[in-house]
Protein backbone atom coordinates (compact mmCIF):
# COMPACT_ATOMS: atom_id res chain seq x y z
CA UNK A 1 198.66 25.10 41.95
CA UNK A 2 195.05 24.71 40.79
CA UNK A 3 194.78 24.13 37.06
CA UNK A 4 192.13 26.21 35.32
CA UNK A 5 189.49 23.97 33.79
CA UNK A 6 189.03 24.35 30.04
CA UNK A 7 185.82 26.06 28.96
CA UNK A 8 182.98 23.83 27.85
CA UNK A 9 181.15 24.44 24.58
CA UNK A 10 178.25 25.83 26.64
CA UNK A 11 180.61 28.29 28.38
CA UNK A 12 181.99 29.44 25.03
CA UNK A 13 178.50 29.93 23.60
CA UNK A 14 177.43 31.95 26.65
CA UNK A 15 180.43 34.24 26.27
CA UNK A 16 179.80 34.64 22.55
CA UNK A 17 176.21 35.62 23.32
CA UNK A 18 177.41 38.22 25.86
CA UNK A 19 179.74 39.65 23.24
CA UNK A 20 176.97 39.79 20.64
CA UNK A 21 174.56 41.55 23.01
CA UNK A 22 177.22 44.07 24.09
CA UNK A 23 178.13 44.78 20.47
CA UNK A 24 174.46 45.23 19.63
CA UNK A 25 174.12 47.81 22.41
CA UNK A 26 177.13 49.76 21.18
CA UNK A 27 175.81 49.90 17.62
CA UNK A 28 172.35 51.05 18.74
CA UNK A 29 173.61 53.58 21.29
CA UNK A 30 176.65 54.97 19.48
CA UNK A 31 176.52 53.84 15.86
CA UNK A 32 178.19 51.10 13.84
CA UNK A 33 181.39 53.12 13.37
CA UNK A 34 181.88 53.14 17.15
CA UNK A 35 182.00 49.35 17.38
CA UNK A 36 185.65 48.46 18.02
CA UNK A 37 187.22 45.52 19.78
CA UNK A 38 188.75 47.90 22.34
CA UNK A 39 185.41 49.56 23.14
CA UNK A 40 183.70 46.19 23.25
CA UNK A 41 186.34 44.78 25.56
CA UNK A 42 185.97 47.75 27.89
CA UNK A 43 182.22 47.27 28.11
CA UNK A 44 182.59 43.57 28.85
CA UNK A 45 185.61 44.01 31.15
CA UNK A 46 187.58 41.78 28.83
CA UNK A 47 190.85 42.51 27.11
CA UNK A 48 190.63 43.11 23.38
CA UNK A 49 193.03 40.19 22.71
CA UNK A 50 190.74 37.91 24.72
CA UNK A 51 187.84 38.79 22.44
CA UNK A 52 189.76 37.32 19.54
CA UNK A 53 189.44 33.92 21.20
CA UNK A 54 185.75 34.07 20.37
CA UNK A 55 185.50 36.19 17.22
CA UNK A 56 188.09 37.01 14.57
CA UNK A 57 186.99 40.61 14.11
CA UNK A 58 184.30 43.18 14.73
CA UNK A 59 182.91 42.35 11.28
CA UNK A 60 182.39 38.75 12.32
CA UNK A 61 180.64 39.92 15.48
CA UNK A 62 178.39 42.29 13.55
CA UNK A 63 177.42 39.70 10.92
CA UNK A 64 176.70 37.22 13.72
CA UNK A 65 174.28 39.76 15.21
CA UNK A 66 172.44 40.08 11.90
CA UNK A 67 172.34 36.31 11.43
CA UNK A 68 170.87 35.89 14.91
CA UNK A 69 168.21 38.52 14.26
CA UNK A 70 167.07 37.02 10.99
CA UNK A 71 167.11 33.50 12.45
CA UNK A 72 164.91 34.65 15.33
CA UNK A 73 162.43 36.23 12.93
CA UNK A 74 162.47 33.20 10.62
CA UNK A 75 161.79 30.79 13.49
CA UNK A 76 158.87 32.90 14.72
CA UNK A 77 157.38 33.14 11.24
CA UNK A 78 157.66 29.38 10.74
CA UNK A 79 155.62 28.90 13.91
CA UNK A 80 153.01 31.25 12.47
CA UNK A 81 152.97 29.28 9.20
CA UNK A 82 152.37 26.07 11.14
CA UNK A 83 149.67 27.63 13.33
CA UNK A 84 146.83 27.13 10.84
CA UNK A 85 145.97 25.43 7.56
CA UNK A 86 143.58 28.26 6.73
CA UNK A 87 145.35 30.72 4.38
CA UNK A 88 143.72 33.82 5.90
CA UNK A 89 144.42 32.84 9.50
CA UNK A 90 147.96 31.81 8.61
CA UNK A 91 148.63 35.11 6.83
CA UNK A 92 147.22 37.10 9.74
CA UNK A 93 149.43 35.17 12.18
CA UNK A 94 152.50 35.90 10.06
CA UNK A 95 151.72 39.62 9.83
CA UNK A 96 151.11 39.78 13.57
CA UNK A 97 154.36 37.91 14.20
CA UNK A 98 156.38 40.37 12.12
CA UNK A 99 154.96 43.40 13.92
CA UNK A 100 155.41 41.80 17.34
CA UNK A 101 159.00 40.84 16.53
CA UNK A 102 159.81 44.40 15.51
CA UNK A 103 158.31 45.83 18.67
CA UNK A 104 159.80 43.35 21.14
CA UNK A 105 163.25 43.09 19.52
CA UNK A 106 163.80 46.76 18.73
CA UNK A 107 167.59 46.67 18.64
CA UNK A 108 167.75 43.70 16.29
CA UNK A 109 164.98 45.15 14.12
CA UNK A 110 166.77 48.48 13.79
CA UNK A 111 169.98 46.81 12.64
CA UNK A 112 168.14 44.48 10.27
CA UNK A 113 165.75 46.97 8.67
CA UNK A 114 166.21 50.57 9.79
CA UNK A 115 169.82 51.62 10.37
CA UNK A 116 172.23 52.10 7.43
CA UNK A 117 174.47 49.30 8.67
CA UNK A 118 176.35 47.00 6.24
CA UNK A 119 174.29 44.45 4.35
CA UNK A 120 175.16 41.36 2.29
CA UNK A 121 176.11 43.29 -0.86
CA UNK A 122 178.69 45.22 1.16
CA UNK A 123 180.54 41.98 1.87
CA UNK A 124 180.55 40.49 -1.62
CA UNK A 125 184.14 39.84 -2.75
CA UNK A 126 185.45 40.30 0.79
CA UNK A 127 186.70 37.71 3.32
CA UNK A 128 183.27 37.95 5.02
CA UNK A 129 181.13 37.12 2.00
CA UNK A 130 180.64 33.48 3.00
CA UNK A 131 179.54 34.35 6.54
CA UNK A 132 177.25 37.14 5.34
CA UNK A 133 175.73 34.72 2.84
CA UNK A 134 174.28 32.82 5.81
CA UNK A 135 172.26 35.90 6.77
CA UNK A 136 171.30 36.46 3.13
CA UNK A 137 169.96 32.91 2.81
CA UNK A 138 167.85 33.22 5.96
CA UNK A 139 166.43 36.56 4.81
CA UNK A 140 165.54 35.07 1.43
CA UNK A 141 163.88 32.12 3.20
CA UNK A 142 161.76 34.67 5.06
CA UNK A 143 160.84 36.32 1.77
CA UNK A 144 159.80 32.95 0.35
CA UNK A 145 157.59 32.26 3.38
CA UNK A 146 155.88 35.60 2.78
CA UNK A 147 155.44 35.05 -0.95
CA UNK A 148 154.07 31.54 -0.44
CA UNK A 149 151.55 32.89 2.08
CA UNK A 150 150.43 35.58 -0.38
CA UNK A 151 150.04 33.06 -3.20
CA UNK A 152 147.90 30.88 -0.92
CA UNK A 153 145.70 33.90 -0.19
CA UNK A 154 145.28 34.62 -3.90
CA UNK A 155 144.92 31.08 -5.25
CA UNK A 156 141.73 32.05 -7.00
CA UNK A 157 143.51 34.75 -9.00
CA UNK A 158 144.66 33.11 -12.25
CA UNK A 159 146.23 36.36 -13.47
CA UNK A 160 148.73 36.54 -10.59
CA UNK A 161 152.30 36.87 -11.87
CA UNK A 162 155.65 36.68 -10.09
CA UNK A 163 155.98 40.43 -10.54
CA UNK A 164 152.57 40.94 -8.90
CA UNK A 165 153.66 38.87 -5.89
CA UNK A 166 156.84 40.88 -5.40
CA UNK A 167 154.94 44.15 -5.82
CA UNK A 168 152.35 43.19 -3.20
CA UNK A 169 154.96 41.83 -0.77
CA UNK A 170 156.85 45.12 -0.88
CA UNK A 171 153.61 47.05 -0.41
CA UNK A 172 152.63 44.97 2.62
CA UNK A 173 156.16 45.02 4.01
CA UNK A 174 156.25 48.81 3.75
CA UNK A 175 153.04 49.05 5.74
CA UNK A 176 154.27 46.65 8.43
CA UNK A 177 157.57 48.49 8.69
CA UNK A 178 155.69 51.75 9.12
CA UNK A 179 153.59 50.20 11.89
CA UNK A 180 156.67 48.97 13.72
CA UNK A 181 158.55 52.25 13.28
CA UNK A 182 155.65 54.40 14.53
CA UNK A 183 155.17 52.12 17.53
CA UNK A 184 158.87 51.98 18.41
CA UNK A 185 159.23 55.76 18.18
CA UNK A 186 156.16 56.17 20.45
CA UNK A 187 154.60 58.45 17.83
CA UNK A 188 151.51 56.34 17.16
CA UNK A 189 150.42 56.72 20.78
CA UNK A 190 149.67 60.39 20.17
CA UNK A 191 146.89 59.56 17.72
CA UNK A 192 145.77 56.02 18.67
CA UNK A 193 144.53 55.30 22.18
CA UNK A 194 144.61 51.52 21.68
CA UNK A 195 147.65 50.58 19.60
CA UNK A 196 147.01 46.84 19.74
CA UNK A 197 143.43 47.27 18.53
CA UNK A 198 144.57 49.63 15.76
CA UNK A 199 147.23 47.19 14.61
CA UNK A 200 144.81 44.27 14.64
CA UNK A 201 142.33 46.16 12.48
CA UNK A 202 145.02 47.09 9.96
CA UNK A 203 146.18 43.48 9.73
CA UNK A 204 142.59 42.33 9.21
CA UNK A 205 142.28 44.83 6.37
CA UNK A 206 145.53 43.68 4.75
CA UNK A 207 144.43 40.04 4.76
CA UNK A 208 140.93 40.97 3.61
CA UNK A 209 142.34 42.83 0.63
CA UNK A 210 143.73 39.59 -0.81
CA UNK A 211 141.42 36.92 0.58
CA UNK A 212 138.25 36.23 -1.39
């Protein structure tokens, strides 16, 4: 009788990634309420009990998806931060990175920013608060990267307050989210013949608004 070799850590990680991607597809295609271990197992041709060898629950799977999405965005933004010492060029790279992330990772972006899926506050005082706090920390790190970039752009403005920074970040974020949403829904193509050129001009204008 041939003994089955135990899975390596790489094997386990690959299976966990397959589970995460399948769960992501179910949420996007059918909605968060349709994510169940049974449905997930059927899609992966795995038994529901076998899934529990890799994740304790569908909540753990879902939160792991959100953590992965925010970590991907954070890593890309850090690269943009390191791409230039010039505040204007650095800010432009960060804005471009956000829009590109949203357009090339549509499923993750929708779960992170568009769909009414559970967020950190929904898990406070639950068994999943600690795991969800990982996602919350990464998202707040992203916010800090954005606020630091804005402060660098406006270093000559002595009147800049913390409230001003938050106000401007939300204003810029709203514009970027609109750009991503219009592109992902294919609506912008009806009025803009060159989407990339249009986006680039808008980002130039955003940076120019704050850079003296």
